[in-house]
Amino acid sequence: MYTVLRIVLAVIGGLLVGSMVNMGLIQLSASVIPPPAGVDVTNMESLKSSMHLFEAKHFLFPFLAHSLGTLAGAWFAALIAKKYRLQIGLGIGGFFMLGGIINAFILPAPAWFIVLDLALAYLPMAWLGVKLRGGKNGLPEISSE
Protein backbone atom coordinates (compact mmCIF):
# COMPACT_ATOMS: atom_id res chain seq x y z
CA MET A 1 0.00 0.00 0.00
CA TYR A 2 2.84 2.37 0.87
CA THR A 3 4.40 1.86 -2.60
CA VAL A 4 1.11 2.57 -4.35
CA LEU A 5 0.66 5.77 -2.34
CA ARG A 6 4.17 6.94 -3.23
CA ILE A 7 3.53 6.23 -6.91
CA VAL A 8 0.24 8.15 -6.89
CA LEU A 9 1.86 11.08 -5.08
CA ALA A 10 4.82 11.00 -7.47
CA VAL A 11 2.58 11.15 -10.53
CA ILE A 12 0.33 13.90 -9.17
CA GLY A 13 3.31 15.89 -7.86
CA GLY A 14 5.24 15.46 -11.10
CA LEU A 15 2.31 16.68 -13.16
CA LEU A 16 1.78 19.68 -10.86
CA VAL A 17 5.45 20.68 -10.77
CA GLY A 18 5.82 20.24 -14.52
CA SER A 19 2.70 22.27 -15.19
CA MET A 20 3.82 25.08 -12.88
CA VAL A 21 7.23 25.31 -14.57
CA ASN A 22 5.58 25.23 -17.99
CA MET A 23 3.07 27.97 -17.18
CA GLY A 24 5.67 30.10 -15.43
CA LEU A 25 7.87 30.10 -18.51
CA ILE A 26 4.93 30.76 -20.84
CA GLN A 27 3.89 33.76 -18.71
CA LEU A 28 7.46 35.03 -18.69
CA SER A 29 7.86 34.66 -22.45
CA ALA A 30 5.87 37.73 -23.50
CA SER A 31 7.99 40.02 -21.34
CA VAL A 32 11.27 38.61 -22.68
CA ILE A 33 10.29 38.22 -26.35
CA PRO A 34 7.21 40.37 -27.09
CA PRO A 35 4.67 38.82 -29.47
CA PRO A 36 4.06 40.44 -32.87
CA ALA A 37 2.08 43.69 -32.77
CA GLY A 38 -1.65 43.18 -32.33
CA VAL A 39 -1.43 39.56 -31.13
CA ASP A 40 -3.17 38.67 -27.88
CA VAL A 41 -1.35 35.56 -26.63
CA THR A 42 -4.00 34.97 -23.96
CA ASN A 43 -6.69 34.50 -26.63
CA MET A 44 -6.64 31.22 -28.57
CA GLU A 45 -8.48 32.69 -31.56
CA SER A 46 -5.99 35.55 -31.77
CA LEU A 47 -3.12 33.06 -31.68
CA LYS A 48 -4.67 30.89 -34.39
CA SER A 49 -5.33 33.78 -36.73
CA SER A 50 -1.92 35.42 -36.29
CA MET A 51 0.41 32.44 -36.03
CA HIS A 52 1.82 33.34 -39.46
CA LEU A 53 3.27 36.52 -37.91
CA PHE A 54 5.44 34.62 -35.43
CA GLU A 55 9.16 34.32 -36.10
CA ALA A 56 11.49 31.55 -34.92
CA LYS A 57 12.42 33.57 -31.82
CA HIS A 58 8.79 33.46 -30.66
CA PHE A 59 8.97 29.67 -30.41
CA LEU A 60 11.96 29.63 -28.05
CA PHE A 61 9.99 30.02 -24.83
CA PRO A 62 7.24 27.55 -25.76
CA PHE A 63 9.95 24.96 -26.45
CA LEU A 64 11.72 25.80 -23.18
CA ALA A 65 8.43 25.65 -21.30
CA HIS A 66 7.59 22.24 -22.73
CA SER A 67 11.05 20.76 -22.22
CA LEU A 68 11.88 22.26 -18.80
CA GLY A 69 8.36 21.60 -17.52
CA THR A 70 8.68 17.95 -18.49
CA LEU A 71 12.20 17.75 -17.05
CA ALA A 72 11.11 19.24 -13.72
CA GLY A 73 7.99 17.07 -13.52
CA ALA A 74 9.88 13.84 -14.23
CA TRP A 75 12.67 14.79 -11.82
CA PHE A 76 10.17 15.55 -9.04
CA ALA A 77 8.23 12.33 -9.68
CA ALA A 78 11.48 10.33 -9.58
CA LEU A 79 12.40 12.09 -6.35
CA ILE A 80 9.16 10.96 -4.66
CA ALA A 81 8.91 7.46 -6.11
CA LYS A 82 11.03 4.71 -4.60
CA LYS A 83 10.19 2.16 -7.29
CA TYR A 84 9.47 2.39 -11.00
CA ARG A 85 11.17 5.80 -11.29
CA LEU A 86 11.97 5.47 -14.97
CA GLN A 87 8.47 4.28 -15.86
CA ILE A 88 6.83 7.05 -13.85
CA GLY A 89 9.14 9.71 -15.30
CA LEU A 90 8.49 8.54 -18.85
CA GLY A 91 4.77 8.47 -18.02
CA ILE A 92 5.01 12.14 -17.03
CA GLY A 93 6.79 12.80 -20.33
CA GLY A 94 4.11 10.88 -22.23
CA PHE A 95 1.35 12.86 -20.56
CA PHE A 96 2.96 16.17 -21.48
CA MET A 97 3.68 14.85 -24.99
CA LEU A 98 -0.02 14.07 -25.40
CA GLY A 99 -0.68 17.72 -24.57
CA GLY A 100 1.91 18.73 -27.17
CA ILE A 101 0.23 16.55 -29.80
CA ILE A 102 -3.17 18.05 -29.02
CA ASN A 103 -1.65 21.53 -29.17
CA ALA A 104 -0.12 20.73 -32.58
CA PHE A 105 -3.64 20.08 -33.91
CA ILE A 106 -5.13 23.19 -32.29
CA LEU A 107 -2.49 25.79 -33.21
CA PRO A 108 -1.10 26.01 -36.75
CA ALA A 109 2.55 26.16 -35.68
CA PRO A 110 5.29 25.64 -38.27
CA ALA A 111 6.11 22.01 -39.04
CA TRP A 112 9.75 22.46 -37.96
CA PHE A 113 8.61 23.53 -34.48
CA ILE A 114 6.11 20.70 -34.11
CA VAL A 115 8.74 18.10 -35.10
CA LEU A 116 11.40 19.64 -32.83
CA ASP A 117 8.97 19.98 -29.93
CA LEU A 118 7.57 16.46 -30.12
CA ALA A 119 10.96 14.84 -30.75
CA LEU A 120 13.03 16.61 -28.07
CA ALA A 121 10.86 18.31 -25.46
CA TYR A 122 9.04 15.41 -23.88
CA LEU A 123 10.39 11.86 -23.68
CA PRO A 124 14.10 12.77 -23.86
CA MET A 125 13.62 15.41 -21.15
CA ALA A 126 11.60 13.01 -18.99
CA TRP A 127 14.42 10.45 -19.29
CA LEU A 128 16.98 13.14 -18.40
CA GLY A 129 14.90 14.23 -15.40
CA VAL A 130 14.92 10.69 -14.02
CA LYS A 131 18.66 10.36 -14.67
CA LEU A 132 19.34 13.66 -12.90
CA ARG A 133 17.49 12.31 -9.87
CA GLY A 134 19.94 9.42 -9.67
CA GLY A 135 19.63 6.24 -7.65
CA LYS A 136 18.02 3.07 -8.96
CA ASN A 137 17.08 3.53 -12.63
CA GLY A 138 19.28 6.62 -12.68
CA LEU A 139 22.85 7.68 -12.12
CA PRO A 140 24.65 6.05 -9.19
CA GLU A 141 24.03 7.74 -5.86
CA ILE A 142 27.07 9.26 -4.19
CA SER A 143 28.06 7.27 -1.14
CA SER A 144 29.00 9.14 2.03
CA GLU A 145 31.41 6.39 3.07
Foldseek 3Di string as FASTA:
>chain_A
DVQVVLLVCLLVQLLVQLVVQLVVLVVCLCVVPNAPPPADPVDLVSQQVCLVVDDPSSCVSNLVSLQVSLLSSLLSSLLRHPPPSLVSLQVSLVVSLVVLVVVVVSHVHDPVSSCCSNVPRGNVSSLVSNQVNEDVSHNHDDDPD
